[in-house]
Amino acid sequence: LLARNSHIYRNGTSLYLNGERWTASGANVYWLGLDENVEPPPGEPYYAPFKASYPTKGRTTEIMRTLVTMGAKLIRSQTLGVSVGNPLSLMPMKGVVNTDAFEAIDWAVFQARQHGLRIIAPLVDNFDYYHGGKFTFLRWHGYNISGSASPLPPDTMKFYTDDAIISTFKDYIDILMTHVNPYTGLSYADDPTIIGYETGNELNGIVWGDKDVPVKWIVEICTLIKALGLKKLCIDGTYGVNKTHFVIEEVDIFSDHFYPLNNTLLESDIAAVEGADRVYIAGELGWTAEATAKRGDSLKSFYEVIERRQGLERPVVAGSLIWSLFGRNVPDCETYVPHNDGFTMHY
């Protein structure tokens, strides 16, 4: 109970819980707040154009038990933070709040808390997926841009620079973080279960891999996160480590995603972040044998880099999160939920 009610905090290049160093390995479970993989029974909420539905409570509870069995400590879940632009979203339209969307999020946070797990959640997505993202905010403000546009127009950067868009995004963050979960009696801002929020998922500018996310914008979003949740960590959601962001004191954690696994990149990321006296997390891993054998380093060797660092006085790397974990289609306990991106883990 003491651990459950205690916040994870950062001191230099390490994370701590009650004075003990805390490691952050686990899994991405992106569907906890809103799913795209299961068509629910007739009469249940379902938005067919995006195949969006709320996961059953049984699915969420089962995946928490699975994570505990696997030895996980941390969950990263996009849809516990990103939920905009469709009728089942937390914010289906600009300024409109769908309180029904909180139920799945509330239950997931509650179950994570009950199972001794922690959460990080991105607040916006770089892409135009079913749960929404930066293009949703752009369209709300008159920039008719699709995430599938190639090349992306210069106005895509307005997400980071247009004061009206930033204001709407900050309003969304405020609505999310100040919501009081009826299962816990705590706001998301105050609940230690959510150790921090990520400014976004795989954020870039106009060109893929450019890491062009303005310092001013990150400062503004991290400042808001920490103003609402005084003990929350802020994770830079840029896709990859952008060294120009090291000047941002409000950022606690930098991260990168690995498709394929790349030990050289991992080690250079860690060295760079150590110089900035911050923490690093490998936020997504393409873990499958097929993916690593064809193009990248082995999962075993990748983990050995992390484990070796965690034995040092300044570990820097707090852990890693596989992409991505699915369970059974509860209440159907015979069938696993399928997902066809090539990186699905069933355990």
Protein backbone atom coordinates (compact mmCIF):
# COMPACT_ATOMS: atom_id res chain seq x y z
CA LEU A 1 0.00 0.00 0.00
CA LEU A 2 2.87 2.37 0.78
CA ALA A 3 4.42 1.73 -2.62
CA ARG A 4 1.07 2.11 -4.38
CA ASN A 5 0.57 5.54 -2.83
CA SER A 6 4.15 6.73 -3.38
CA HIS A 7 5.29 8.65 -6.44
CA ILE A 8 8.12 7.60 -8.72
CA TYR A 9 10.66 10.41 -8.83
CA ARG A 10 13.87 11.20 -10.68
CA ASN A 11 17.23 12.04 -9.19
CA GLY A 12 19.81 12.62 -11.90
CA THR A 13 19.99 9.60 -14.19
CA SER A 14 17.86 7.27 -12.05
CA LEU A 15 14.23 6.79 -11.09
CA TYR A 16 13.36 6.02 -7.48
CA LEU A 17 10.48 4.68 -5.41
CA ASN A 18 10.66 5.25 -1.66
CA GLY A 19 14.42 5.76 -1.85
CA GLU A 20 15.09 2.58 -3.84
CA ARG A 21 16.16 2.65 -7.47
CA TRP A 22 13.22 1.76 -9.72
CA THR A 23 13.41 0.11 -13.13
CA ALA A 24 10.77 0.62 -15.76
CA SER A 25 10.51 -2.43 -17.99
CA GLY A 26 7.16 -3.57 -19.31
CA ALA A 27 4.97 -3.36 -22.38
CA ASN A 28 2.98 -1.09 -24.62
CA VAL A 29 -0.74 -1.83 -24.25
CA TYR A 30 -2.05 0.86 -26.52
CA TRP A 31 -5.75 -0.12 -26.53
CA LEU A 32 -6.69 0.27 -22.85
CA GLY A 33 -8.71 3.46 -23.28
CA LEU A 34 -10.09 2.84 -26.77
CA ASP A 35 -9.69 -0.20 -28.99
CA GLU A 36 -9.73 -0.87 -32.75
CA ASN A 37 -9.49 -4.66 -32.78
CA VAL A 38 -12.80 -6.03 -31.48
CA GLU A 39 -16.30 -5.43 -32.79
CA PRO A 40 -18.50 -5.44 -29.69
CA PRO A 41 -21.94 -7.09 -29.38
CA PRO A 42 -24.87 -5.19 -30.92
CA GLY A 43 -25.95 -2.27 -28.79
CA GLU A 44 -22.49 -1.60 -27.37
CA PRO A 45 -20.70 1.62 -28.37
CA TYR A 46 -18.98 1.18 -31.73
CA TYR A 47 -17.75 3.61 -34.37
CA ALA A 48 -17.52 1.50 -37.51
CA PRO A 49 -15.50 3.90 -39.73
CA PHE A 50 -12.56 3.64 -37.31
CA LYS A 51 -13.53 0.23 -35.85
CA ALA A 52 -13.41 1.97 -32.47
CA SER A 53 -14.88 0.43 -29.32
CA TYR A 54 -14.22 0.38 -25.61
CA PRO A 55 -12.38 -2.69 -24.29
CA THR A 56 -14.30 -4.83 -21.85
CA LYS A 57 -13.36 -4.60 -18.18
CA GLY A 58 -12.42 -8.27 -18.32
CA ARG A 59 -9.88 -7.70 -21.09
CA THR A 60 -8.27 -4.89 -19.14
CA THR A 61 -8.13 -6.82 -15.87
CA GLU A 62 -6.72 -9.90 -17.60
CA ILE A 63 -3.91 -7.94 -19.27
CA MET A 64 -2.91 -6.48 -15.89
CA ARG A 65 -2.63 -9.99 -14.45
CA THR A 66 -0.61 -11.01 -17.48
CA LEU A 67 1.78 -8.09 -17.00
CA VAL A 68 2.30 -9.00 -13.35
CA THR A 69 2.97 -12.62 -14.31
CA MET A 70 5.55 -11.44 -16.85
CA GLY A 71 7.32 -9.36 -14.18
CA ALA A 72 6.43 -6.01 -15.73
CA LYS A 73 6.40 -2.77 -13.77
CA LEU A 74 5.36 -0.20 -16.37
CA ILE A 75 2.67 0.16 -19.03
CA ARG A 76 2.80 2.64 -21.88
CA SER A 77 -0.64 3.24 -23.34
CA GLN A 78 -1.48 5.73 -26.07
CA THR A 79 -5.24 5.70 -25.50
CA LEU A 80 -4.96 6.55 -21.81
CA GLY A 81 -3.72 9.93 -23.01
CA VAL A 82 -4.74 10.35 -26.67
CA SER A 83 -8.50 10.32 -27.28
CA VAL A 84 -9.73 12.91 -29.78
CA GLY A 85 -11.71 13.18 -32.98
CA ASN A 86 -14.23 10.33 -33.11
CA PRO A 87 -17.60 9.88 -31.36
CA LEU A 88 -16.17 7.53 -28.72
CA SER A 89 -13.24 9.84 -27.91
CA LEU A 90 -12.84 11.86 -24.75
CA MET A 91 -12.97 14.96 -26.98
CA PRO A 92 -14.92 14.00 -30.12
CA MET A 93 -15.06 17.60 -31.34
CA LYS A 94 -13.20 20.75 -30.37
CA GLY A 95 -14.22 21.74 -26.86
CA VAL A 96 -16.77 18.92 -26.48
CA VAL A 97 -16.18 16.41 -23.68
CA ASN A 98 -17.60 12.89 -23.87
CA THR A 99 -17.57 11.81 -20.23
CA ASP A 100 -18.51 8.23 -21.20
CA ALA A 101 -14.99 7.85 -22.59
CA PHE A 102 -13.53 8.14 -19.10
CA GLU A 103 -14.98 4.79 -18.00
CA ALA A 104 -12.46 2.61 -19.85
CA ILE A 105 -9.58 4.90 -18.87
CA ASP A 106 -10.70 5.00 -15.22
CA TRP A 107 -10.94 1.21 -15.06
CA ALA A 108 -7.50 0.74 -16.63
CA VAL A 109 -5.82 3.16 -14.21
CA PHE A 110 -7.65 1.55 -11.28
CA GLN A 111 -6.65 -1.96 -12.33
CA ALA A 112 -3.03 -0.93 -12.85
CA ARG A 113 -3.07 0.54 -9.34
CA GLN A 114 -4.61 -2.63 -7.88
CA HIS A 115 -1.95 -4.76 -9.56
CA GLY A 116 1.00 -2.58 -8.50
CA LEU A 117 1.75 -1.42 -12.04
CA ARG A 118 2.64 2.08 -13.25
CA ILE A 119 1.63 3.98 -16.37
CA ILE A 120 3.03 6.51 -18.81
CA ALA A 121 0.72 7.92 -21.48
CA PRO A 122 1.42 10.06 -24.54
CA LEU A 123 -0.86 13.09 -24.87
CA VAL A 124 -1.03 13.33 -28.67
CA ASP A 125 -0.06 11.19 -31.64
CA ASN A 126 2.14 12.13 -34.58
CA PHE A 127 -0.14 10.08 -36.82
CA ASP A 128 -3.77 10.09 -37.95
CA TYR A 129 -4.90 6.91 -36.19
CA TYR A 130 -8.33 5.97 -34.85
CA HIS A 131 -7.67 7.57 -31.46
CA GLY A 132 -6.72 10.92 -33.01
CA GLY A 133 -3.61 13.06 -32.89
CA LYS A 134 -2.02 16.29 -34.01
CA PHE A 135 -3.88 16.27 -37.33
CA THR A 136 -7.17 16.24 -35.42
CA PHE A 137 -6.20 19.48 -33.68
CA LEU A 138 -5.03 20.98 -36.97
CA ARG A 139 -8.34 20.19 -38.67
CA TRP A 140 -10.30 21.61 -35.74
CA HIS A 141 -8.55 24.90 -36.40
CA GLY A 142 -9.09 25.04 -40.15
CA TYR A 143 -5.95 23.33 -41.45
CA ASN A 144 -7.38 20.57 -43.62
CA ILE A 145 -4.36 18.28 -43.49
CA SER A 146 -4.37 14.48 -43.46
CA GLY A 147 -1.63 12.46 -41.84
CA SER A 148 -1.39 10.48 -45.08
CA ALA A 149 -0.44 13.55 -47.14
CA SER A 150 2.93 13.18 -48.86
CA PRO A 151 4.78 15.39 -48.55
CA LEU A 152 3.23 17.03 -45.52
CA PRO A 153 2.60 20.76 -46.06
CA PRO A 154 4.48 23.38 -44.01
CA ASP A 155 1.28 24.20 -42.11
CA THR A 156 1.68 20.85 -40.31
CA MET A 157 4.05 22.72 -37.98
CA LYS A 158 1.16 24.94 -36.90
CA PHE A 159 0.32 22.26 -34.34
CA TYR A 160 3.40 23.40 -32.43
CA THR A 161 3.24 27.13 -33.20
CA ASP A 162 -0.38 28.27 -33.57
CA ASP A 163 -1.47 29.80 -30.25
CA ALA A 164 -5.11 28.78 -30.73
CA ILE A 165 -4.18 25.14 -31.39
CA ILE A 166 -1.83 25.10 -28.41
CA SER A 167 -4.61 26.54 -26.25
CA THR A 168 -7.07 23.83 -27.34
CA PHE A 169 -4.45 21.14 -26.73
CA LYS A 170 -3.72 22.53 -23.26
CA ASP A 171 -7.44 22.62 -22.48
CA TYR A 172 -7.61 18.95 -23.46
CA ILE A 173 -4.67 18.10 -21.17
CA ASP A 174 -6.32 19.99 -18.31
CA ILE A 175 -9.62 18.11 -18.78
CA LEU A 176 -7.76 14.79 -18.82
CA MET A 177 -5.43 15.33 -15.88
CA THR A 178 -7.94 17.00 -13.53
CA HIS A 179 -10.55 14.27 -14.00
CA VAL A 180 -11.24 12.43 -10.74
CA ASN A 181 -11.36 8.66 -11.15
CA PRO A 182 -14.40 7.33 -9.24
CA TYR A 183 -12.67 3.99 -8.64
CA THR A 184 -9.69 5.56 -6.86
CA GLY A 185 -11.00 8.94 -5.68
CA LEU A 186 -7.89 10.51 -7.20
CA SER A 187 -7.43 12.79 -10.17
CA TYR A 188 -5.04 11.54 -12.81
CA ALA A 189 -2.82 14.47 -11.82
CA ASP A 190 -2.59 13.20 -8.24
CA ASP A 191 -2.58 9.43 -8.80
CA PRO A 192 0.94 8.00 -8.40
CA THR A 193 -0.08 5.12 -10.71
CA ILE A 194 0.49 7.46 -13.65
CA ILE A 195 4.16 8.31 -13.19
CA GLY A 196 4.23 10.81 -16.02
CA TYR A 197 2.90 12.00 -19.33
CA GLU A 198 4.72 11.96 -22.65
CA THR A 199 4.39 15.09 -24.78
CA GLY A 200 3.39 12.83 -27.68
CA ASN A 201 3.95 9.60 -29.54
CA GLU A 202 6.77 9.60 -32.12
CA LEU A 203 6.55 13.33 -32.70
CA ASN A 204 8.29 14.79 -35.73
CA GLY A 205 7.99 17.90 -37.85
CA ILE A 206 7.23 17.71 -41.57
CA VAL A 207 9.82 15.12 -42.61
CA TRP A 208 9.88 11.68 -41.03
CA GLY A 209 12.78 11.43 -38.61
CA ASP A 210 13.56 15.16 -38.49
CA LYS A 211 12.86 15.39 -34.71
CA ASP A 212 11.70 18.93 -35.43
CA VAL A 213 9.64 19.57 -32.31
CA PRO A 214 10.14 23.14 -31.06
CA VAL A 215 11.78 23.63 -27.67
CA LYS A 216 9.25 26.34 -26.80
CA TRP A 217 6.34 23.94 -27.33
CA ILE A 218 7.91 21.18 -25.19
CA VAL A 219 8.61 23.66 -22.39
CA GLU A 220 5.00 24.83 -22.49
CA ILE A 221 3.51 21.33 -22.41
CA CYS A 222 5.88 19.97 -19.75
CA THR A 223 5.30 23.06 -17.62
CA LEU A 224 1.54 22.43 -17.77
CA ILE A 225 1.95 18.74 -16.91
CA LYS A 226 4.01 19.62 -13.85
CA ALA A 227 1.69 22.48 -12.83
CA LEU A 228 -1.30 20.14 -12.82
CA GLY A 229 0.55 17.18 -11.34
CA LEU A 230 3.29 18.48 -9.07
CA LYS A 231 4.99 15.07 -8.86
CA LYS A 232 4.50 14.00 -12.46
CA LEU A 233 7.46 13.23 -14.70
CA CYS A 234 7.55 14.69 -18.21
CA ILE A 235 8.75 12.53 -21.08
CA ASP A 236 9.91 14.11 -24.35
CA GLY A 237 7.71 12.47 -26.98
CA THR A 238 9.98 13.35 -29.89
CA TYR A 239 10.77 10.27 -32.00
CA GLY A 240 14.40 9.88 -30.99
CA VAL A 241 16.80 11.84 -28.83
CA ASN A 242 17.09 15.45 -30.00
CA LYS A 243 20.13 16.90 -28.24
CA THR A 244 18.84 20.45 -28.67
CA HIS A 245 16.13 19.48 -26.17
CA PHE A 246 18.65 18.86 -23.38
CA VAL A 247 18.31 22.51 -22.36
CA ILE A 248 14.69 21.86 -21.33
CA GLU A 249 14.87 21.48 -17.55
CA GLU A 250 11.25 20.34 -17.38
CA VAL A 251 12.01 17.10 -19.28
CA ASP A 252 12.82 14.15 -17.01
CA ILE A 253 12.98 11.32 -19.53
CA PHE A 254 14.13 11.01 -23.14
CA SER A 255 13.26 8.00 -25.27
CA ASP A 256 13.56 6.29 -28.61
CA HIS A 257 11.79 3.46 -30.45
CA PHE A 258 13.56 0.55 -32.08
CA TYR A 259 12.41 -0.94 -35.39
CA PRO A 260 14.65 -2.86 -35.72
CA LEU A 261 16.69 -3.28 -32.55
CA ASN A 262 19.93 -1.32 -32.82
CA ASN A 263 22.49 -1.68 -30.04
CA THR A 264 24.74 1.04 -31.45
CA LEU A 265 21.90 3.57 -31.44
CA LEU A 266 20.84 2.45 -27.96
CA GLU A 267 24.34 2.97 -26.57
CA SER A 268 24.77 6.36 -28.25
CA ASP A 269 21.35 7.48 -26.95
CA ILE A 270 22.29 6.45 -23.42
CA ALA A 271 25.64 8.24 -23.60
CA ALA A 272 24.01 11.43 -24.84
CA VAL A 273 21.28 11.39 -22.18
CA GLU A 274 23.86 10.68 -19.48
CA GLY A 275 25.59 13.90 -20.48
CA ALA A 276 22.30 15.71 -19.91
CA ASP A 277 21.89 14.06 -16.47
CA ARG A 278 18.47 12.62 -17.31
CA VAL A 279 16.78 9.25 -17.61
CA TYR A 280 16.30 7.24 -20.81
CA ILE A 281 13.66 4.65 -21.71
CA ALA A 282 13.51 2.48 -24.83
CA GLY A 283 9.82 3.23 -25.34
CA GLU A 284 8.99 0.69 -28.06
CA LEU A 285 10.79 -2.44 -29.24
CA GLY A 286 10.15 -4.44 -32.38
CA TRP A 287 10.82 -7.64 -30.46
CA THR A 288 9.89 -10.48 -32.82
CA ALA A 289 12.50 -12.99 -33.94
CA GLU A 290 11.63 -12.42 -37.60
CA ALA A 291 12.13 -8.67 -37.33
CA THR A 292 15.41 -8.84 -35.42
CA ALA A 293 16.92 -11.68 -37.45
CA LYS A 294 16.36 -9.90 -40.74
CA ARG A 295 17.39 -6.37 -39.92
CA GLY A 296 18.66 -5.77 -36.42
CA ASP A 297 20.46 -6.94 -33.32
CA SER A 298 19.13 -9.78 -31.22
CA LEU A 299 16.70 -9.15 -28.38
CA LYS A 300 19.12 -10.87 -26.00
CA SER A 301 22.02 -8.59 -26.92
CA PHE A 302 19.78 -5.50 -26.72
CA TYR A 303 18.67 -6.43 -23.22
CA GLU A 304 22.27 -7.12 -22.22
CA VAL A 305 23.15 -3.49 -23.00
CA ILE A 306 20.33 -2.32 -20.72
CA GLU A 307 21.13 -4.78 -17.92
CA ARG A 308 24.82 -3.86 -17.99
CA ARG A 309 23.94 -0.17 -17.61
CA GLN A 310 21.52 -0.87 -14.78
CA GLY A 311 24.37 -2.34 -12.77
CA LEU A 312 26.21 1.00 -12.80
CA GLU A 313 26.03 3.90 -10.36
CA ARG A 314 24.59 6.08 -13.15
CA PRO A 315 22.38 3.67 -15.12
CA VAL A 316 20.61 6.32 -17.25
CA VAL A 317 18.43 3.70 -18.95
CA ALA A 318 15.49 2.88 -16.70
CA GLY A 319 14.09 0.11 -18.87
CA SER A 320 12.34 -0.87 -22.08
CA LEU A 321 8.82 -1.55 -23.30
CA ILE A 322 7.94 -4.16 -25.92
CA TRP A 323 5.47 -3.36 -28.69
CA SER A 324 2.81 -4.60 -28.08
CA LEU A 325 0.84 -6.81 -25.70
CA PHE A 326 -2.60 -8.32 -26.28
CA GLY A 327 -4.64 -10.80 -24.27
CA ARG A 328 -7.79 -12.82 -24.78
CA ASN A 329 -11.10 -11.47 -26.00
CA VAL A 330 -12.70 -11.63 -22.54
CA PRO A 331 -15.41 -12.71 -21.81
CA ASP A 332 -14.37 -15.16 -24.53
CA CYS A 333 -11.45 -16.79 -22.74
CA GLU A 334 -10.65 -19.17 -25.60
CA THR A 335 -9.65 -16.63 -28.25
CA TYR A 336 -6.76 -14.17 -28.27
CA VAL A 337 -7.40 -10.74 -29.76
CA PRO A 338 -5.56 -10.57 -33.10
CA HIS A 339 -3.55 -7.58 -34.29
CA ASN A 340 -1.72 -7.67 -37.59
CA ASP A 341 1.21 -5.25 -37.34
CA GLY A 342 3.73 -8.08 -36.98
CA PHE A 343 4.76 -7.23 -33.41
CA THR A 344 1.85 -8.61 -31.38
CA MET A 345 2.77 -10.47 -28.20
CA HIS A 346 0.34 -12.99 -26.70
CA TYR A 347 1.41 -14.45 -23.37
